[in-house]
């Protein structure tokens, strides 16, 4: 993207804006990394398996009750 600047103040302002955008993107990336690390922990896998097992078990139980 080419921008025509009229003076050095505009250049400084644009550089400041771009630096702030870079800092925001870096912080968002750090937060995403933390979320992914939490999602990949074995305890979360166990919890997910237990939840699905409970759902499947309840469906099987309801199926047997209606037969």
Protein backbone atom coordinates (compact mmCIF):
# COMPACT_ATOMS: atom_id res chain seq x y z
CA UNK A 1 0.00 0.00 0.00
CA UNK A 2 1.56 3.25 -1.10
CA UNK A 3 0.66 6.36 0.82
CA UNK A 4 1.68 9.88 -0.07
CA UNK A 5 2.85 11.69 3.01
CA UNK A 6 2.86 15.44 3.16
CA UNK A 7 5.21 15.89 6.10
CA UNK A 8 7.29 14.06 8.68
CA UNK A 9 4.52 14.27 11.28
CA UNK A 10 2.29 12.07 9.10
CA UNK A 11 5.12 9.59 8.67
CA UNK A 12 5.71 9.44 12.43
CA UNK A 13 1.99 9.02 13.07
CA UNK A 14 1.75 6.17 10.55
CA UNK A 15 4.82 4.45 12.03
CA UNK A 16 3.34 4.76 15.51
CA UNK A 17 0.04 3.26 14.30
CA UNK A 18 1.80 0.37 12.60
CA UNK A 19 3.90 -0.30 15.70
CA UNK A 20 0.77 -0.40 17.86
CA UNK A 21 -0.92 -2.78 15.41
CA UNK A 22 2.14 -5.04 15.55
CA UNK A 23 2.09 -5.02 19.36
CA UNK A 24 -1.63 -5.88 19.39
CA UNK A 25 -1.07 -8.76 16.95
CA UNK A 26 1.79 -10.06 19.11
CA UNK A 27 -0.36 -10.04 22.24
CA UNK A 28 -3.23 -11.77 20.42
CA UNK A 29 -0.78 -14.45 19.23
CA UNK A 30 0.46 -14.98 22.81
CA UNK A 31 -3.13 -15.37 24.04
CA UNK A 32 -3.90 -17.84 21.23
CA UNK A 33 -0.79 -19.83 22.09
CA UNK A 34 -1.93 -20.06 25.72
CA UNK A 35 -5.41 -21.19 24.66
CA UNK A 36 -3.97 -23.91 22.44
CA UNK A 37 -1.67 -25.13 25.21
CA UNK A 38 -4.64 -25.40 27.56
CA UNK A 39 -6.72 -27.25 24.97
CA UNK A 40 -3.98 -29.82 24.37
CA UNK A 41 -3.52 -30.80 28.01
CA UNK A 42 -4.37 -34.47 28.72
CA UNK A 43 -6.85 -33.49 31.46
CA UNK A 44 -8.96 -31.68 28.87
CA UNK A 45 -8.90 -34.77 26.65
CA UNK A 46 -10.13 -36.92 29.53
CA UNK A 47 -12.90 -34.44 30.28
CA UNK A 48 -14.00 -34.44 26.63
CA UNK A 49 -14.01 -38.25 26.50
CA UNK A 50 -16.08 -38.41 29.70
CA UNK A 51 -18.60 -35.91 28.30
CA UNK A 52 -19.03 -37.84 25.04
CA UNK A 53 -19.22 -41.14 26.88
CA UNK A 54 -21.97 -39.71 29.07
CA UNK A 55 -23.92 -38.52 26.05
CA UNK A 56 -23.57 -41.83 24.22
CA UNK A 57 -24.42 -43.77 27.38
CA UNK A 58 -27.58 -41.76 27.94
CA UNK A 59 -28.65 -42.33 24.34
CA UNK A 60 -28.09 -46.08 24.69
CA UNK A 61 -30.02 -46.12 27.98
CA UNK A 62 -32.95 -44.24 26.43
CA UNK A 63 -32.92 -46.62 23.45
CA UNK A 64 -33.12 -49.64 25.77
CA UNK A 65 -35.91 -48.05 27.80
CA UNK A 66 -38.12 -47.56 24.73
CA UNK A 67 -37.64 -51.09 23.38
